[in-house]
């Protein structure tokens, strides 16, 4: 009778209407429905949000300060090696890395 798109749209609208009606019928003394109470119960408090935001702001401020500091610092001079092949030589004790020789 209906196409799937029309049927699904009607079901969604009907479902929202039923949830809205159930929410208005089950209001407490403050006028909050069960859905509002459930959302408030699952969300964090405003004080916790303020504390987390202040901490994140302090950390981002420190990261910005560190970034500016590292951009202002001049890099160290890289010494020129007289014999750069010395860096590719093996261990002084001729032990391969990761072996269990003591």
N, C-alpha and C. Protein backbone atom coordinates (compact mmCIF):
# COMPACT_ATOMS: atom_id res chain seq x y z
N UNK A 1 0.83 -1.19 0.00
CA UNK A 1 0.00 0.00 0.00
C UNK A 1 0.88 1.26 0.00
N UNK A 2 1.83 1.33 0.93
CA UNK A 2 2.75 2.47 0.97
C UNK A 2 4.13 2.01 0.52
N UNK A 3 4.87 2.93 -0.01
CA UNK A 3 6.27 2.62 -0.34
C UNK A 3 7.05 2.55 0.97
N UNK A 4 8.20 1.90 0.97
CA UNK A 4 8.97 1.80 2.22
C UNK A 4 9.36 3.17 2.78
N UNK A 5 9.64 4.13 1.95
CA UNK A 5 10.03 5.45 2.45
C UNK A 5 8.88 6.12 3.17
N UNK A 6 7.66 6.05 2.60
CA UNK A 6 6.50 6.67 3.24
C UNK A 6 6.17 5.92 4.53
N UNK A 7 6.21 4.59 4.48
CA UNK A 7 5.92 3.79 5.67
C UNK A 7 6.90 4.11 6.80
N UNK A 8 8.19 4.17 6.49
CA UNK A 8 9.19 4.47 7.51
C UNK A 8 9.02 5.87 8.06
N UNK A 9 8.68 6.82 7.21
CA UNK A 9 8.46 8.19 7.67
C UNK A 9 7.29 8.25 8.63
N UNK A 10 6.20 7.56 8.30
CA UNK A 10 5.04 7.54 9.19
C UNK A 10 5.36 6.86 10.51
N UNK A 11 6.13 5.79 10.46
CA UNK A 11 6.52 5.10 11.69
C UNK A 11 7.40 5.99 12.58
N UNK A 12 8.31 6.71 11.97
CA UNK A 12 9.19 7.60 12.75
C UNK A 12 8.38 8.72 13.38
N UNK A 13 7.49 9.34 12.62
CA UNK A 13 6.67 10.42 13.17
C UNK A 13 5.78 9.88 14.28
N UNK A 14 5.17 8.71 14.07
CA UNK A 14 4.33 8.11 15.10
C UNK A 14 5.13 7.76 16.34
N UNK A 15 6.33 7.26 16.16
CA UNK A 15 7.19 6.93 17.31
C UNK A 15 7.56 8.16 18.10
N UNK A 16 7.91 9.24 17.42
CA UNK A 16 8.23 10.48 18.12
C UNK A 16 7.02 11.01 18.87
N UNK A 17 5.85 10.89 18.28
CA UNK A 17 4.62 11.36 18.94
C UNK A 17 4.36 10.54 20.20
N UNK A 18 4.54 9.22 20.13
CA UNK A 18 4.32 8.38 21.31
C UNK A 18 5.31 8.70 22.43
N UNK A 19 6.57 8.90 22.08
CA UNK A 19 7.57 9.26 23.10
C UNK A 19 7.25 10.61 23.70
N UNK A 20 6.82 11.56 22.90
CA UNK A 20 6.46 12.89 23.41
C UNK A 20 5.28 12.80 24.35
N UNK A 21 4.26 12.01 23.98
CA UNK A 21 3.09 11.85 24.84
C UNK A 21 3.47 11.17 26.15
N UNK A 22 4.30 10.13 26.09
CA UNK A 22 4.72 9.45 27.31
C UNK A 22 5.55 10.38 28.18
N UNK A 23 6.32 11.26 27.57
CA UNK A 23 7.14 12.20 28.32
C UNK A 23 6.26 13.25 29.03
N UNK A 24 5.20 13.70 28.39
CA UNK A 24 4.33 14.71 29.01
C UNK A 24 3.44 14.10 30.08
N UNK A 25 3.08 12.84 29.94
CA UNK A 25 2.20 12.20 30.92
C UNK A 25 2.95 11.90 32.21
N UNK A 26 4.23 11.53 32.12
CA UNK A 26 5.00 11.10 33.29
C UNK A 26 5.84 12.23 33.86
N UNK A 27 5.26 13.41 34.02
CA UNK A 27 6.02 14.53 34.57
C UNK A 27 6.03 14.46 36.09
N UNK A 28 7.15 14.91 36.68
CA UNK A 28 7.26 14.94 38.13
C UNK A 28 6.80 16.30 38.64
N UNK A 29 7.10 16.59 39.92
CA UNK A 29 6.66 17.85 40.54
C UNK A 29 7.26 19.07 39.87
N UNK A 30 8.47 18.93 39.33
CA UNK A 30 9.14 20.06 38.68
C UNK A 30 8.71 20.24 37.23
N UNK A 31 7.89 19.34 36.72
CA UNK A 31 7.43 19.43 35.34
C UNK A 31 8.37 18.79 34.35
N UNK A 32 9.26 17.92 34.84
CA UNK A 32 10.21 17.24 33.96
C UNK A 32 9.71 15.83 33.67
N UNK A 33 9.72 15.46 32.40
CA UNK A 33 9.30 14.13 32.01
C UNK A 33 10.41 13.12 32.20
N UNK A 34 10.08 11.84 31.95
CA UNK A 34 11.07 10.78 32.17
C UNK A 34 12.26 10.92 31.23
N UNK A 35 12.03 11.40 30.02
CA UNK A 35 13.12 11.55 29.06
C UNK A 35 14.09 12.64 29.51
N UNK A 36 13.54 13.74 30.00
CA UNK A 36 14.39 14.83 30.50
C UNK A 36 15.19 14.38 31.71
N UNK A 37 14.55 13.65 32.62
CA UNK A 37 15.26 13.16 33.80
C UNK A 37 16.35 12.17 33.42
N UNK A 38 16.08 11.32 32.41
CA UNK A 38 17.08 10.35 31.98
C UNK A 38 18.28 11.06 31.36
N UNK A 39 18.04 12.07 30.55
CA UNK A 39 19.13 12.81 29.92
C UNK A 39 19.95 13.55 30.96
N UNK A 40 19.28 14.18 31.93
CA UNK A 40 20.01 14.89 32.98
C UNK A 40 20.79 13.92 33.87
N UNK A 41 20.26 12.73 34.06
CA UNK A 41 20.96 11.75 34.87
C UNK A 41 22.21 11.21 34.19
N UNK A 42 22.19 11.13 32.87
CA UNK A 42 23.33 10.59 32.13
C UNK A 42 24.38 11.65 31.81
N UNK A 43 24.01 12.92 31.85
CA UNK A 43 24.97 13.97 31.52
C UNK A 43 25.75 14.37 32.77
N UNK A 44 26.92 14.99 32.55
CA UNK A 44 27.75 15.40 33.68
C UNK A 44 27.28 16.77 34.17
N UNK A 45 27.61 17.08 35.41
CA UNK A 45 27.15 18.32 36.02
C UNK A 45 27.87 19.53 35.43
N UNK A 46 27.31 20.70 35.68
CA UNK A 46 27.92 21.94 35.16
C UNK A 46 29.25 22.22 35.84
N UNK A 47 29.36 21.89 37.13
CA UNK A 47 30.62 22.11 37.84
C UNK A 47 31.74 21.23 37.26
N UNK A 48 31.39 19.99 36.96
CA UNK A 48 32.38 19.09 36.36
C UNK A 48 32.79 19.58 34.98
N UNK A 49 31.82 20.08 34.20
CA UNK A 49 32.12 20.61 32.88
C UNK A 49 33.05 21.82 32.99
N UNK A 50 32.79 22.71 33.95
CA UNK A 50 33.65 23.88 34.13
C UNK A 50 35.06 23.47 34.54
N UNK A 51 35.16 22.46 35.42
CA UNK A 51 36.48 22.01 35.86
C UNK A 51 37.27 21.41 34.71
N UNK A 52 36.62 20.59 33.89
CA UNK A 52 37.29 19.96 32.75
C UNK A 52 37.69 21.02 31.72
N UNK A 53 36.80 21.99 31.47
CA UNK A 53 37.12 23.05 30.52
C UNK A 53 38.29 23.90 30.99
N UNK A 54 38.34 24.20 32.29
CA UNK A 54 39.45 24.99 32.83
C UNK A 54 40.76 24.22 32.70
N UNK A 55 40.72 22.92 32.97
CA UNK A 55 41.92 22.10 32.84
C UNK A 55 42.38 22.04 31.38
N UNK A 56 41.45 21.82 30.46
CA UNK A 56 41.80 21.78 29.04
C UNK A 56 42.35 23.11 28.55
N UNK A 57 41.78 24.22 29.05
CA UNK A 57 42.27 25.54 28.67
C UNK A 57 43.69 25.75 29.16
N UNK A 58 43.96 25.31 30.40
CA UNK A 58 45.30 25.47 30.95
C UNK A 58 46.31 24.63 30.16
N UNK A 59 45.92 23.40 29.78
CA UNK A 59 46.82 22.55 29.02
C UNK A 59 47.07 23.09 27.61
N UNK A 60 46.03 23.64 26.97
CA UNK A 60 46.23 24.20 25.63
C UNK A 60 47.07 25.47 25.70
N UNK A 61 46.92 26.25 26.77
CA UNK A 61 47.74 27.44 26.96
C UNK A 61 49.21 27.04 27.12
N UNK A 62 49.47 25.98 27.90
CA UNK A 62 50.84 25.51 28.09
C UNK A 62 51.41 24.97 26.78
N UNK A 63 50.60 24.27 25.99
CA UNK A 63 51.06 23.75 24.70
C UNK A 63 51.41 24.89 23.75
N UNK A 64 50.60 25.95 23.76
CA UNK A 64 50.89 27.11 22.91
C UNK A 64 52.19 27.78 23.35
N UNK A 65 52.38 27.89 24.66
CA UNK A 65 53.61 28.49 25.19
C UNK A 65 54.82 27.66 24.78
N UNK A 66 54.72 26.34 24.91
CA UNK A 66 55.83 25.47 24.52
C UNK A 66 56.12 25.57 23.03
N UNK A 67 55.07 25.64 22.23
CA UNK A 67 55.27 25.73 20.78
C UNK A 67 56.00 27.02 20.41
N UNK A 68 55.58 28.14 21.01
CA UNK A 68 56.27 29.41 20.74
C UNK A 68 57.72 29.36 21.22
N UNK A 69 57.93 28.73 22.37
CA UNK A 69 59.29 28.62 22.89
C UNK A 69 60.18 27.84 21.93
N UNK A 70 59.71 26.71 21.44
CA UNK A 70 60.54 25.89 20.55
C UNK A 70 60.75 26.54 19.20
N UNK A 71 59.83 27.40 18.78
CA UNK A 71 60.04 28.11 17.51
C UNK A 71 61.05 29.25 17.66
N UNK A 72 61.19 29.79 18.87
CA UNK A 72 62.13 30.89 19.10
C UNK A 72 63.55 30.41 19.32
N UNK A 73 63.72 29.18 19.81
CA UNK A 73 65.04 28.66 20.15
C UNK A 73 65.79 28.34 18.86
N UNK A 74 67.04 28.75 18.81
CA UNK A 74 67.87 28.42 17.65
C UNK A 74 68.39 27.00 17.80
N UNK A 75 68.43 26.24 16.73
CA UNK A 75 68.91 24.86 16.84
C UNK A 75 70.41 24.82 17.13
N UNK A 76 70.83 23.73 17.74
CA UNK A 76 72.25 23.56 18.03
C UNK A 76 73.02 23.33 16.73
N UNK A 77 74.27 23.69 16.75
CA UNK A 77 75.12 23.46 15.59
C UNK A 77 75.41 21.97 15.47
N UNK A 78 75.37 21.47 14.25
CA UNK A 78 75.67 20.07 14.00
C UNK A 78 77.14 19.97 13.65
N UNK A 79 77.92 19.26 14.46
CA UNK A 79 79.36 19.17 14.16
C UNK A 79 79.59 18.30 12.93
N UNK A 80 80.55 18.71 12.15
CA UNK A 80 80.95 17.92 10.97
C UNK A 80 81.92 16.85 11.43
N UNK A 81 81.61 15.61 11.10
CA UNK A 81 82.49 14.51 11.47
C UNK A 81 83.62 14.39 10.45
N UNK A 82 84.82 14.13 10.97
CA UNK A 82 85.96 13.99 10.08
C UNK A 82 85.86 12.67 9.32
N UNK A 83 85.40 11.62 10.02
CA UNK A 83 85.22 10.31 9.41
C UNK A 83 83.79 9.82 9.70
N UNK A 84 82.80 10.19 8.86
CA UNK A 84 81.41 9.81 9.16
C UNK A 84 81.14 8.31 9.10
N UNK A 85 82.02 7.55 8.46
CA UNK A 85 81.81 6.10 8.40
C UNK A 85 81.97 5.46 9.78
N UNK A 86 82.55 6.18 10.74
CA UNK A 86 82.67 5.65 12.09
C UNK A 86 81.29 5.42 12.73
N UNK A 87 80.30 6.19 12.29
CA UNK A 87 78.96 6.07 12.87
C UNK A 87 78.28 4.79 12.39
N UNK A 88 78.72 4.22 11.29
CA UNK A 88 78.08 3.01 10.78
C UNK A 88 78.79 1.76 11.24
N UNK A 89 79.86 1.91 11.99
CA UNK A 89 80.61 0.75 12.48
C UNK A 89 79.80 0.02 13.54
N UNK A 90 80.12 -1.23 13.78
CA UNK A 90 79.40 -2.03 14.76
C UNK A 90 79.74 -1.62 16.18
N UNK A 91 79.27 -2.44 17.11
CA UNK A 91 79.49 -2.18 18.52
C UNK A 91 80.98 -2.27 18.85
N UNK A 92 81.39 -1.53 19.86
CA UNK A 92 82.79 -1.56 20.28
C UNK A 92 83.18 -2.94 20.80
N UNK A 93 82.23 -3.67 21.32
CA UNK A 93 82.50 -4.99 21.86
C UNK A 93 82.13 -6.09 20.86
N UNK A 94 81.77 -5.70 19.63
CA UNK A 94 81.42 -6.62 18.57
C UNK A 94 80.26 -7.53 18.96
N UNK A 95 79.25 -6.95 19.61
CA UNK A 95 78.04 -7.67 20.03
C UNK A 95 76.88 -7.06 19.25
N UNK A 96 76.10 -7.91 18.61
CA UNK A 96 74.98 -7.37 17.83
C UNK A 96 73.86 -6.92 18.79
N UNK A 97 73.15 -5.88 18.44
CA UNK A 97 72.08 -5.38 19.31
C UNK A 97 70.99 -6.42 19.47
N UNK A 98 70.46 -6.55 20.67
CA UNK A 98 69.37 -7.46 20.95
C UNK A 98 69.84 -8.86 21.30
N UNK A 99 71.14 -9.13 21.25
CA UNK A 99 71.61 -10.46 21.61
C UNK A 99 71.66 -10.58 23.13
N UNK A 100 71.80 -11.79 23.62
CA UNK A 100 71.82 -12.03 25.06
C UNK A 100 73.23 -12.22 25.60
N UNK A 101 74.21 -11.70 24.89
CA UNK A 101 75.59 -11.83 25.36
C UNK A 101 75.82 -10.82 26.48
N UNK A 102 76.48 -11.26 27.52
CA UNK A 102 76.73 -10.36 28.67
C UNK A 102 78.16 -9.98 28.76
